[in-house]
Protein backbone atom coordinates (compact mmCIF):
# COMPACT_ATOMS: atom_id res chain seq x y z
CA MET A 1 83.16 -37.97 57.57
CA PRO A 2 82.23 -34.68 56.59
CA ALA A 3 78.68 -36.04 56.27
CA LEU A 4 78.31 -38.05 59.56
CA ALA A 5 79.03 -34.13 60.87
CA SER A 6 75.82 -33.28 59.59
CA HIS A 7 74.25 -35.23 61.67
CA ARG A 8 75.39 -33.80 64.83
CA LYS A 9 73.09 -32.37 67.29
CA PRO A 10 74.21 -29.08 68.04
CA ARG A 11 75.39 -28.23 70.97
CA SER A 12 73.18 -26.31 73.51
CA ARG A 13 74.31 -23.30 75.20
CA THR A 14 72.96 -21.81 77.88
CA ALA A 15 74.02 -18.35 79.16
CA LYS A 16 74.80 -17.99 82.75
CA PRO A 17 73.38 -14.41 84.12
CA SER A 18 76.65 -11.61 85.25
CA HIS A 19 77.00 -9.70 87.25
CA ALA A 20 78.47 -7.20 85.20
CA VAL A 21 75.79 -6.97 82.53
CA GLY A 22 73.35 -6.82 85.29
CA PHE A 23 75.07 -4.54 86.98
CA THR A 24 75.62 -2.36 83.81
CA THR A 25 71.60 -2.52 82.78
CA ALA A 26 70.87 -1.07 86.05
CA ALA A 27 73.29 1.63 86.11
CA LEU A 28 72.04 2.81 82.37
CA ALA A 29 68.34 2.09 83.28
CA GLY A 30 69.18 4.78 86.64
CA VAL A 31 71.62 7.34 84.22
CA THR A 32 68.07 7.38 81.76
CA LEU A 33 65.41 8.26 84.96
CA LEU A 34 68.06 10.52 85.86
CA SER A 35 68.06 12.26 82.35
CA THR A 36 64.16 12.06 82.34
CA GLN A 37 64.38 13.34 85.37
CA SER A 38 66.57 16.17 85.16
CA ALA A 39 64.82 17.24 81.82
CA THR A 40 61.02 17.79 83.14
CA ALA A 41 62.81 19.60 86.52
CA ALA A 42 61.84 22.87 86.09
CA PRO A 43 65.28 25.00 85.89
CA ALA A 44 66.96 27.09 88.69
CA GLU A 45 66.28 30.40 89.02
CA PRO A 46 68.81 32.56 88.44
CA LYS A 47 70.03 34.95 90.99
CA PRO A 48 69.24 38.58 90.36
CA SER A 49 72.59 41.11 90.22
CA ILE A 50 72.94 43.58 92.84
CA GLU A 51 70.81 46.19 90.50
CA GLU A 52 68.07 44.21 90.58
CA VAL A 53 68.27 43.23 94.62
CA GLN A 54 68.34 47.15 95.31
CA LYS A 55 66.00 47.42 92.37
CA LYS A 56 63.70 45.00 94.48
CA VAL A 57 64.30 46.75 97.74
CA ASP A 58 63.10 49.71 97.00
CA ASP A 59 60.15 49.68 95.08
CA LEU A 60 59.16 46.74 98.15
CA TYR A 61 60.28 50.41 101.06
CA ARG A 62 57.63 51.91 98.51
CA GLN A 63 55.01 49.96 98.47
CA ALA A 64 55.01 49.85 101.85
CA GLY A 65 55.08 53.64 101.76
CA SER A 66 51.61 53.08 100.18
CA ALA A 67 50.34 50.77 102.72
CA THR A 68 51.69 52.71 105.59
CA GLN A 69 49.09 55.65 104.17
CA GLU A 70 46.22 53.42 103.34
CA TYR A 71 46.74 52.34 106.96
CA ASN A 72 46.83 55.59 107.82
CA LYS A 73 43.81 56.47 106.34
CA ALA A 74 41.77 53.77 107.80
CA LYS A 75 43.00 54.53 111.70
CA GLU A 76 42.06 57.71 110.49
CA ALA A 77 38.49 56.73 109.75
CA THR A 78 38.55 54.11 112.61
CA ALA A 79 38.82 56.46 114.99
CA GLU A 80 36.29 58.82 113.41
CA LYS A 81 34.12 55.92 112.77
CA ARG A 82 34.15 54.93 116.77
CA GLN A 83 33.50 58.32 117.87
CA GLU A 84 30.60 58.18 115.96
CA VAL A 85 29.15 55.27 117.25
CA ASP A 86 30.03 55.64 121.29
CA GLN A 87 27.64 59.28 120.31
CA LEU A 88 25.20 57.30 119.15
CA LEU A 89 25.28 54.80 121.31
CA ASP A 90 24.78 57.75 123.89
CA GLN A 91 22.43 59.08 122.25
CA ALA A 92 19.97 55.67 122.29
CA ALA A 93 20.73 55.64 126.24
CA LYS A 94 19.41 58.58 126.64
CA ARG A 95 16.44 58.21 124.26
CA THR A 96 15.73 54.63 125.80
CA GLU A 97 15.26 57.06 129.33
CA LYS A 98 13.01 59.13 127.32
CA LEU A 99 11.09 56.09 126.17
CA ASN A 100 10.82 54.73 129.34
CA GLU A 101 9.46 57.72 131.11
CA SER A 102 6.54 58.09 128.37
CA ARG A 103 5.93 54.32 128.94
CA ARG A 104 5.74 54.98 132.73
CA ALA A 105 3.16 57.74 132.21
CA LEU A 106 1.16 55.50 130.04
CA GLY A 107 1.19 53.25 132.45
CA ASN A 108 -0.15 55.36 135.13
CA TYR A 109 -2.94 56.32 132.94
CA ALA A 110 -3.63 52.54 132.19
CA ALA A 111 -3.95 52.00 136.21
CA ALA A 112 -6.61 54.94 136.26
CA GLN A 113 -8.23 53.75 133.91
CA TYR A 114 -8.32 49.94 135.35
CA ARG A 115 -9.15 52.02 138.68
CA THR A 116 -12.07 52.68 136.74
CA GLY A 117 -12.95 49.62 135.79
CA SER A 118 -12.17 50.24 131.67
CA VAL A 119 -9.27 48.26 131.74
CA THR A 120 -9.28 46.27 128.26
CA PRO A 121 -8.35 49.47 125.85
CA THR A 122 -5.72 50.56 127.11
CA ALA A 123 -4.36 47.53 127.96
CA ALA A 124 -4.90 47.14 124.15
CA LEU A 125 -2.86 49.54 123.78
CA MET A 126 -0.13 48.92 125.74
CA PHE A 127 0.61 46.40 123.91
CA ALA A 128 -0.24 47.79 120.36
CA ASP A 129 2.88 47.91 118.33
CA SER A 130 1.59 51.55 117.89
CA PRO A 131 -0.54 53.51 120.09
CA GLN A 132 -1.15 55.63 117.37
CA ALA A 133 -2.09 53.70 115.00
CA TYR A 134 -4.57 51.71 117.84
CA PHE A 135 -6.00 55.02 118.93
CA ASP A 136 -6.99 56.25 115.52
CA GLN A 137 -8.49 52.42 114.50
CA THR A 138 -10.80 52.03 117.65
CA GLN A 139 -11.63 55.93 117.74
CA LEU A 140 -10.17 56.73 121.49
CA MET A 141 -8.41 59.50 121.12
CA ASP A 142 -11.75 61.57 121.07
CA ARG A 143 -12.18 60.47 124.27
CA MET A 144 -8.71 61.09 126.17
CA THR A 145 -7.77 64.35 127.63
CA ASP A 146 -5.48 66.45 126.50
CA GLN A 147 -3.13 65.37 128.60
CA GLN A 148 -3.37 61.80 127.65
CA ARG A 149 -3.74 62.66 124.03
CA THR A 150 0.02 64.35 124.93
CA ALA A 151 1.67 61.45 126.88
CA VAL A 152 0.53 58.90 123.75
CA ALA A 153 2.20 61.47 121.14
CA GLU A 154 5.40 61.68 123.47
CA TYR A 155 5.71 57.68 123.75
CA GLU A 156 4.70 57.54 119.72
CA THR A 157 7.82 59.85 118.81
CA GLU A 158 10.36 58.59 121.45
CA ARG A 159 9.35 55.05 120.19
CA ALA A 160 9.94 56.12 116.61
CA ALA A 161 13.23 58.08 117.58
CA ALA A 162 14.62 55.26 119.31
CA ALA A 163 14.18 52.70 116.61
CA LYS A 164 15.92 55.26 113.81
CA GLN A 165 18.73 55.98 116.44
CA ARG A 166 19.08 52.20 116.42
CA ALA A 167 19.35 51.44 112.86
CA GLU A 168 21.49 54.03 112.76
CA ALA A 169 23.76 52.69 115.30
CA THR A 170 23.49 49.25 113.36
CA LYS A 171 24.61 50.79 110.11
CA ARG A 172 27.68 52.74 111.88
CA LEU A 173 28.87 49.59 113.51
CA GLU A 174 28.85 47.87 110.32
CA SER A 175 30.88 50.68 108.89
CA LEU A 176 33.23 50.45 111.86
CA THR A 177 33.88 46.71 111.33
CA ASP A 178 34.29 47.16 107.74
CA SER A 179 37.36 50.18 108.82
CA GLN A 180 38.56 47.45 111.17
CA GLU A 181 38.98 45.49 108.96
CA ALA A 182 40.75 47.64 106.41
CA LEU A 183 43.30 48.44 108.70
CA ARG A 184 43.92 45.06 109.79
CA THR A 185 44.48 44.67 105.80
CA SER A 186 46.91 47.77 105.18
CA LYS A 187 48.92 46.96 108.93
CA GLN A 188 49.83 43.11 107.18
CA THR A 189 50.75 44.13 103.65
CA VAL A 190 52.95 46.66 105.43
CA GLN A 191 54.80 43.89 107.26
CA THR A 192 54.42 41.58 104.69
CA LYS A 193 56.75 44.40 102.01
CA LEU A 194 59.01 44.86 105.13
CA ALA A 195 59.71 41.47 105.54
CA GLU A 196 60.51 40.52 101.80
CA ALA A 197 62.82 43.32 101.40
CA ARG A 198 65.02 42.61 104.65
CA THR A 199 64.66 38.82 103.74
CA LEU A 200 66.33 40.03 100.36
CA LEU A 201 69.03 42.08 102.00
CA SER A 202 69.77 38.64 104.59
CA LYS A 203 70.80 36.63 101.80
CA LEU A 204 73.76 38.90 100.06
CA THR A 205 77.45 38.02 100.73
CA ALA A 206 79.69 40.45 102.62
CA GLU A 207 80.99 41.11 99.35
CA GLU A 208 76.95 41.76 97.74
CA LYS A 209 75.92 44.12 100.57
CA ALA A 210 79.64 46.37 99.73
CA ARG A 211 78.71 46.26 95.97
CA LEU A 212 75.17 47.46 96.86
CA ALA A 213 76.57 50.51 99.21
CA ALA A 214 78.71 51.52 96.33
CA ILE A 215 74.99 51.84 94.30
CA GLU A 216 73.95 53.72 97.01
CA ARG A 217 76.53 56.02 97.71
CA LYS A 218 76.35 56.84 93.83
CA ARG A 219 73.10 57.35 93.69
CA GLU A 220 73.42 60.25 96.59
CA GLU A 221 76.08 61.69 95.10
CA GLU A 222 74.02 62.07 91.56
CA ALA A 223 71.33 63.28 94.05
CA ARG A 224 73.36 65.74 95.98
CA ARG A 225 74.84 67.36 92.70
CA LYS A 226 71.85 68.18 91.58
CA ALA A 227 70.83 69.86 94.96
CA GLU A 228 73.94 71.97 94.36
CA ALA A 229 72.66 73.17 91.04
CA LYS A 230 69.11 74.04 92.97
CA ALA A 231 71.16 75.86 95.19
CA GLU A 232 73.07 77.43 92.86
CA ALA A 233 69.78 78.84 90.71
CA GLU A 234 68.42 79.44 94.15
CA ALA A 235 71.18 81.91 94.82
CA GLU A 236 71.09 83.49 91.42
CA ALA A 237 67.72 84.24 91.50
CA ARG A 238 68.34 85.66 95.37
CA ALA A 239 70.76 88.17 93.92
CA ARG A 240 68.79 88.82 90.61
CA ALA A 241 66.09 89.84 93.36
CA GLU A 242 67.92 92.02 96.04
CA ALA A 243 69.61 93.46 92.74
CA GLU A 244 66.25 94.60 91.61
CA ARG A 245 65.30 95.59 94.86
CA GLN A 246 68.40 97.95 94.99
CA ARG A 247 67.25 99.64 91.57
CA GLU A 248 63.77 100.33 92.58
CA GLU A 249 64.73 102.14 95.61
CA ARG A 250 67.58 103.65 93.70
CA GLU A 251 65.02 104.83 91.44
CA THR A 252 62.13 106.04 94.26
CA ALA A 253 64.57 107.80 96.73
CA PRO A 254 64.53 111.32 94.86
CA ASP A 255 60.48 111.20 94.77
CA THR A 256 59.88 109.23 98.35
CA GLY A 257 62.99 110.46 100.19
CA THR A 258 63.81 107.27 101.59
CA THR A 259 66.62 105.15 101.31
CA ASP A 260 65.69 102.18 103.49
CA PRO A 261 67.43 99.32 102.28
CA GLY A 262 65.07 97.58 104.58
CA THR A 263 61.60 98.25 103.12
CA GLY A 264 61.88 94.89 100.50
CA THR A 265 61.17 91.75 100.57
CA GLY A 266 64.26 90.20 99.41
CA THR A 267 62.36 87.93 97.51
CA GLY A 268 59.76 89.54 95.02
CA THR A 269 57.00 87.83 96.31
CA ASP A 270 54.66 88.41 99.40
CA ASP A 271 55.82 85.51 100.85
CA GLY A 272 55.97 87.24 105.03
CA THR A 273 53.45 85.68 106.36
CA TYR A 274 54.22 82.29 104.87
CA ALA A 275 58.33 82.59 105.89
CA ALA A 276 56.97 83.29 109.05
CA LYS A 277 55.10 80.22 109.22
CA ALA A 278 58.01 78.20 107.33
CA ASP A 279 60.23 78.84 110.22
CA LYS A 280 58.54 77.53 112.74
CA VAL A 281 57.96 74.30 110.65
CA LEU A 282 62.10 73.97 109.50
CA ALA A 283 62.38 74.61 113.60
CA PHE A 284 60.73 71.94 114.71
CA ALA A 285 61.56 69.43 112.03
CA ARG A 286 65.28 70.69 112.57
CA ASP A 287 64.36 69.15 116.02
CA GLN A 288 62.85 65.89 115.22
CA ILE A 289 66.52 65.20 113.19
CA GLY A 290 67.96 62.13 114.26
CA LYS A 291 64.81 60.25 115.53
CA PRO A 292 63.60 56.71 114.24
CA TYR A 293 61.10 56.42 111.49
CA VAL A 294 58.27 54.91 112.51
CA TRP A 295 55.57 53.39 109.95
CA GLY A 296 52.22 54.99 111.32
CA ALA A 297 53.28 57.23 114.09
CA THR A 298 53.05 60.60 114.69
CA GLY A 299 55.48 61.93 116.87
CA PRO A 300 56.58 63.24 119.27
CA SER A 301 59.37 60.15 119.89
CA SER A 302 59.44 58.36 116.54
CA TYR A 303 57.00 59.30 112.88
CA ASP A 304 56.54 58.55 108.57
CA CYS A 305 56.77 60.98 106.38
CA SER A 306 53.76 62.34 106.72
CA GLY A 307 53.10 62.22 110.19
CA LEU A 308 56.24 64.44 110.63
CA THR A 309 55.17 67.12 108.13
CA ALA A 310 51.70 67.04 109.97
CA ALA A 311 53.13 67.34 113.13
CA ALA A 312 55.93 70.55 111.77
CA TRP A 313 53.33 72.08 110.27
CA LYS A 314 51.16 72.13 113.11
CA ALA A 315 53.77 73.65 115.11
CA ALA A 316 53.23 76.97 113.01
CA GLY A 317 49.50 76.71 113.63
CA VAL A 318 48.27 74.95 110.41
CA ASP A 319 46.25 71.41 110.65
CA LEU A 320 47.40 69.24 107.42
CA PRO A 321 45.22 65.91 106.59
CA ARG A 322 46.88 62.58 107.73
CA THR A 323 48.18 61.03 104.60
CA THR A 324 50.07 62.20 101.93
CA TRP A 325 47.00 61.17 99.68
CA ASP A 326 45.23 64.58 101.45
CA GLN A 327 48.24 66.75 102.47
CA VAL A 328 49.15 66.86 98.29
CA LYS A 329 45.69 68.14 97.87
CA VAL A 330 45.74 71.31 100.55
CA GLY A 331 47.36 74.73 99.70
CA THR A 332 49.19 75.92 95.77
CA ARG A 333 50.50 73.83 93.67
CA VAL A 334 54.34 74.48 93.15
CA ALA A 335 56.91 73.96 90.83
CA THR A 336 60.16 72.39 91.77
CA ALA A 337 62.01 75.40 90.28
CA ASP A 338 59.53 77.61 92.25
CA LEU A 339 60.48 76.18 96.03
CA LEU A 340 60.44 78.18 98.80
CA PRO A 341 61.42 76.68 102.65
CA GLY A 342 58.60 74.99 104.39
CA ASP A 343 56.90 73.05 100.94
CA LEU A 344 56.04 69.78 101.08
CA VAL A 345 57.30 67.97 98.15
CA PHE A 346 55.95 64.41 97.11
CA PHE A 347 57.34 61.58 95.61
CA TYR A 348 56.63 58.34 93.45
CA ASP A 349 53.54 58.41 90.99
CA ASP A 350 51.31 56.51 93.74
CA ILE A 351 52.35 59.70 95.88
CA SER A 352 53.57 57.76 98.83
CA HIS A 353 56.39 59.40 100.14
CA VAL A 354 56.73 63.80 101.31
CA GLY A 355 59.22 66.22 102.94
CA ILE A 356 60.19 69.56 104.41
CA TYR A 357 61.82 71.57 102.34
CA ILE A 358 64.24 73.44 103.48
CA GLY A 359 66.10 75.11 100.37
CA ASP A 360 69.35 74.98 98.27
CA GLY A 361 67.74 71.67 96.86
CA LYS A 362 67.65 69.67 100.54
CA MET A 363 64.38 68.84 102.41
CA ILE A 364 63.81 66.75 106.10
CA HIS A 365 62.02 64.23 105.90
CA ALA A 366 61.66 60.11 107.83
CA PRO A 367 62.59 58.31 104.82
CA LYS A 368 62.12 54.76 105.15
CA PRO A 369 62.02 51.84 107.87
CA GLY A 370 65.53 51.66 109.74
CA ALA A 371 66.09 55.20 109.04
CA ASN A 372 66.22 58.57 110.96
CA VAL A 373 64.97 61.79 110.26
CA ARG A 374 67.46 63.33 107.93
CA GLU A 375 68.28 66.22 105.77
CA GLU A 376 69.05 65.14 101.89
CA SER A 377 68.11 65.81 98.28
CA ILE A 378 65.03 66.27 96.99
CA PHE A 379 66.24 64.89 94.18
CA TYR A 380 66.91 60.84 95.79
CA MET A 381 63.80 60.21 94.62
CA PRO A 382 61.43 60.78 91.73
CA ILE A 383 59.39 63.86 92.55
CA TYR A 384 55.48 64.05 92.14
CA GLY A 385 55.04 67.31 93.04
CA SER A 386 55.14 69.94 95.38
CA VAL A 387 52.80 72.31 97.27
CA ARG A 388 52.66 75.29 99.59
CA PRO A 389 50.41 74.45 102.41
CA ALA A 390 49.53 78.24 103.29
C-alpha cells in the first residue's frame, strides 16, 4: 500500500484572498509612507524663549529707529530737492520769456529785411541752430548794425542759458525721483519692522506676557540703580565744587574785601550761557512729556526721538540737524561722567536713538512706537556717546 500512495497526485492548494491580510498590508504600507514622510519633513522650529522674544522685539524697534532716521534724512533731502526744482523751473520760465523777447527782436529785423527785399539770409538766420554760427559763416555780421548784432548776441546768450537750465532741471528732477524712492523704501522698512514686532508680541500667551513684563521691570530696575549711582556721584561733585569755591572766597576775601557768596559759578566751569540755554531746552522738553512717539514726527502734538531734541534746542535758539546721525556731529563731545543738563545722549552702535540729559542719570526722550515722551534712566539702553550742542 505504501507504493500505491507514492503515485497519488498531490492535492493542489490554492490560497483564497484574505481580507485581514490585505488590510494589514495596506496598513503597513501606510505606516511605511508616513515614516518616510516624517523622515524627510523638516523638524518644527522650537518656540523661542521669552528672553529671545524680548531681544528680538528690542532689536526690531532699534532697526525701526534706524530706518526712521533714514526716512527723516530722505524726507529732508526730498524737500530740499523739490525746492531746488521749483526754483529752477521758475528761473527757466523767466529765461524762456527773455528768449522769446530776443526771438521777437530778431523777428522784427527779419520783417524789416523782408520789406527791403533781403529775406533769404534772415530766414536762414531764423531757422539756423546757431544764429552766431550762421553769421560767422556767411560774414553777414559785417553788414549788420550794432543794434542787430546786440539782438543776435542776446538771443544766443538766452538760448544757451535756457538750454543749460533745462539740463540742470532735468538732473535735479532725477535726483528728486531718487530721493522720493529712498523715502518710500525707508517708510516701508519702518512699517515692516514695527509689524514684525507687533506680530511677535501678539503670539504670546497671557503667562508669557507676564514673564516678559517681569523681565522688563528687572531691566528698568537695573537702569534705575545705575542712574541713582550717577546722581550720587554728581551730588558729590557739586559738593566738592561748592566747598572749593567757598575755600577760594575765604582765601581771597582779605585781599579783595569781598565776601559775596554768589560770585562763583557753582560748577567750576564757565557754563553760565550754556546753563541758560539748557534751562529753556529742559522747560520745553518737560512740556512735551506725555505726548506720543510717532516716527517721522517733529511736533507739536507728537515726536520721534530726534524730532524732540531738535524742537527742544530750537526753543533755546539753536538749530540742530534733523537726524541723530547729524546731531551727534554738532557741538562738543563729552564723557558720560561729565554730562550736564541739556546735553544730548546717543544710544546703540548705529546711533539710532537720542535723549536730552536732565541730570541725576536721567533723560527726557521719545522712546518708541506705543510709548509717550517720558523721563527715563540713560542706562536703559547702551550709550554710544554724548554731545554738548552749544
